[in-house]
Amino acid sequence: MVEVDYGCDIDSSLEIDPLTGDFKIVEGLDNASQSVKNRLETRLDELLVLGYSNYGNQSYEELGNTDIDTAIGHIEIYTRSALLEEPLVQDLIEIKISFENNSIRGDLVIQLTNGEILPINFDINEGDD
């Protein structure tokens, strides 16, 4: 397996490190996981004003769809499409989509560009704006 530097970022929990007073940092594989999850939980083109075109996940469009089988099919397509835009991701190995209380839950297994296998889950909720 090729060694990859996945970098670091502010932890999405926005918790403060009590020792430094700074935001906690996520790095390595945890940062790769957070990067993928952030893309999947962001509405497609929500960050366009910041210069990020084609960033995000179109699955939000399926919230409220009463045809669950069709919605799940669309969400699988939208999720695969979003993952293919993520530079860290090589392949989507497994996908399971479910609906729970007006929210979408995705459980995935992905392969990163260095061959590493990583489980990812994401949630899309009706109230997320």
Protein backbone atom coordinates (compact mmCIF):
# COMPACT_ATOMS: atom_id res chain seq x y z
CA MET A 1 0.00 0.00 0.00
CA VAL A 2 1.31 3.44 -0.94
CA GLU A 3 1.87 5.81 1.97
CA VAL A 4 -0.32 8.90 1.57
CA ASP A 5 -0.34 12.13 3.56
CA TYR A 6 -4.02 12.92 4.11
CA GLY A 7 -3.15 16.23 5.73
CA CYS A 8 -4.98 17.84 8.60
CA ASP A 9 -7.96 20.10 9.19
CA ILE A 10 -10.07 21.48 12.00
CA ASP A 11 -12.15 18.69 13.51
CA SER A 12 -15.76 19.09 12.38
CA SER A 13 -16.89 18.79 16.02
CA LEU A 14 -15.42 22.30 16.50
CA GLU A 15 -14.33 21.25 19.99
CA ILE A 16 -11.60 23.24 21.72
CA ASP A 17 -8.41 21.53 22.87
CA PRO A 18 -8.22 22.31 26.61
CA LEU A 19 -4.40 22.31 26.55
CA THR A 20 -3.91 24.75 23.66
CA GLY A 21 -7.20 26.66 23.53
CA ASP A 22 -7.28 26.01 19.76
CA PHE A 23 -9.76 23.97 17.77
CA LYS A 24 -9.02 20.25 17.85
CA ILE A 25 -7.28 18.96 14.72
CA VAL A 26 -8.06 15.83 12.73
CA GLU A 27 -5.30 14.29 10.63
CA GLY A 28 -4.32 11.26 8.61
CA LEU A 29 -7.02 8.70 7.85
CA ASP A 30 -9.43 10.51 10.18
CA ASN A 31 -9.04 13.61 8.00
CA ALA A 32 -9.68 11.55 4.84
CA SER A 33 -12.86 10.19 6.45
CA GLN A 34 -13.98 13.67 7.51
CA SER A 35 -13.30 15.06 4.01
CA VAL A 36 -15.49 12.41 2.38
CA LYS A 37 -18.24 12.80 4.97
CA ASN A 38 -18.22 16.60 4.57
CA ARG A 39 -18.72 16.25 0.80
CA LEU A 40 -21.59 13.78 1.24
CA GLU A 41 -23.37 15.92 3.85
CA THR A 42 -23.11 19.17 1.85
CA ARG A 43 -25.80 20.14 -0.65
CA LEU A 44 -24.52 20.06 -4.24
CA ASP A 45 -23.04 23.47 -5.16
CA GLU A 46 -23.80 24.94 -1.71
CA LEU A 47 -20.18 26.16 -1.63
CA LEU A 48 -20.25 27.62 -5.15
CA VAL A 49 -19.97 31.18 -3.77
CA LEU A 50 -16.67 30.10 -2.19
CA GLY A 51 -15.35 28.81 -5.52
CA TYR A 52 -16.11 25.11 -5.07
CA SER A 53 -18.09 24.03 -8.12
CA ASN A 54 -19.64 20.56 -8.26
CA TYR A 55 -18.91 20.03 -4.55
CA GLY A 56 -21.51 18.22 -2.49
CA ASN A 57 -24.26 15.66 -2.78
CA GLN A 58 -27.51 15.95 -4.73
CA SER A 59 -29.25 13.48 -2.37
CA TYR A 60 -30.96 16.32 -0.48
CA GLU A 61 -33.43 16.46 -3.39
CA GLU A 62 -34.85 13.10 -2.29
CA LEU A 63 -35.95 14.22 1.19
CA GLY A 64 -39.73 13.98 1.28
CA ASN A 65 -39.92 11.61 -1.69
CA THR A 66 -42.67 9.09 -0.87
CA ASP A 67 -41.48 6.52 -3.44
CA ILE A 68 -38.76 5.05 -1.22
CA ASP A 69 -37.38 2.56 -3.76
CA THR A 70 -36.96 5.27 -6.41
CA ALA A 71 -35.47 7.68 -3.86
CA ILE A 72 -32.93 5.09 -2.71
CA GLY A 73 -31.93 4.44 -6.33
CA HIS A 74 -31.44 8.17 -6.92
CA ILE A 75 -29.47 8.58 -3.68
CA GLU A 76 -27.15 5.73 -4.64
CA ILE A 77 -26.47 7.43 -8.00
CA TYR A 78 -26.00 10.88 -6.40
CA THR A 79 -23.70 9.46 -3.71
CA ARG A 80 -21.54 7.59 -6.23
CA SER A 81 -21.31 10.76 -8.34
CA ALA A 82 -20.28 12.86 -5.32
CA LEU A 83 -17.64 10.30 -4.34
CA LEU A 84 -16.15 10.25 -7.84
CA GLU A 85 -15.53 14.00 -7.47
CA GLU A 86 -13.55 13.44 -4.25
CA PRO A 87 -9.82 13.21 -5.10
CA LEU A 88 -9.15 10.81 -2.21
CA VAL A 89 -11.66 8.18 -3.39
CA GLN A 90 -10.80 5.41 -5.85
CA ASP A 91 -13.98 3.35 -5.64
CA LEU A 92 -17.26 2.77 -3.85
CA ILE A 93 -17.26 -0.85 -2.68
CA GLU A 94 -20.52 -1.04 -0.77
CA ILE A 95 -23.51 1.24 -0.23
CA LYS A 96 -26.57 0.89 2.00
CA ILE A 97 -29.15 3.69 2.10
CA SER A 98 -32.03 3.94 4.55
CA PHE A 99 -34.66 6.50 5.54
CA GLU A 100 -35.34 7.25 9.20
CA ASN A 101 -37.64 10.03 10.47
CA ASN A 102 -37.29 12.44 7.51
CA SER A 103 -33.57 11.81 7.21
CA ILE A 104 -31.34 9.81 4.93
CA ARG A 105 -28.69 7.51 6.35
CA GLY A 106 -25.87 6.15 4.21
CA ASP A 107 -23.44 3.44 5.24
CA LEU A 108 -20.59 3.00 2.78
CA VAL A 109 -17.34 1.18 2.31
CA ILE A 110 -14.94 3.03 0.04
CA GLN A 111 -11.47 2.44 -1.33
CA LEU A 112 -9.07 5.35 -1.16
CA THR A 113 -6.55 6.10 -3.91
CA ASN A 114 -3.79 4.29 -2.01
CA GLY A 115 -5.91 1.11 -1.71
CA GLU A 116 -6.94 1.68 1.91
CA ILE A 117 -10.49 0.45 2.68
CA LEU A 118 -12.55 2.83 4.81
CA PRO A 119 -16.09 2.62 6.23
CA ILE A 120 -18.01 5.91 6.05
CA ASN A 121 -21.47 6.87 7.22
CA PHE A 122 -23.39 10.03 6.52
CA ASP A 123 -26.71 11.57 7.51
CA ILE A 124 -28.81 14.08 5.58
CA ASN A 125 -31.60 15.68 7.58
CA GLU A 126 -34.55 17.76 6.44
CA GLY A 127 -33.57 20.61 8.75
CA ASP A 128 -29.96 20.88 7.49
CA ASP A 129 -29.45 24.19 5.70
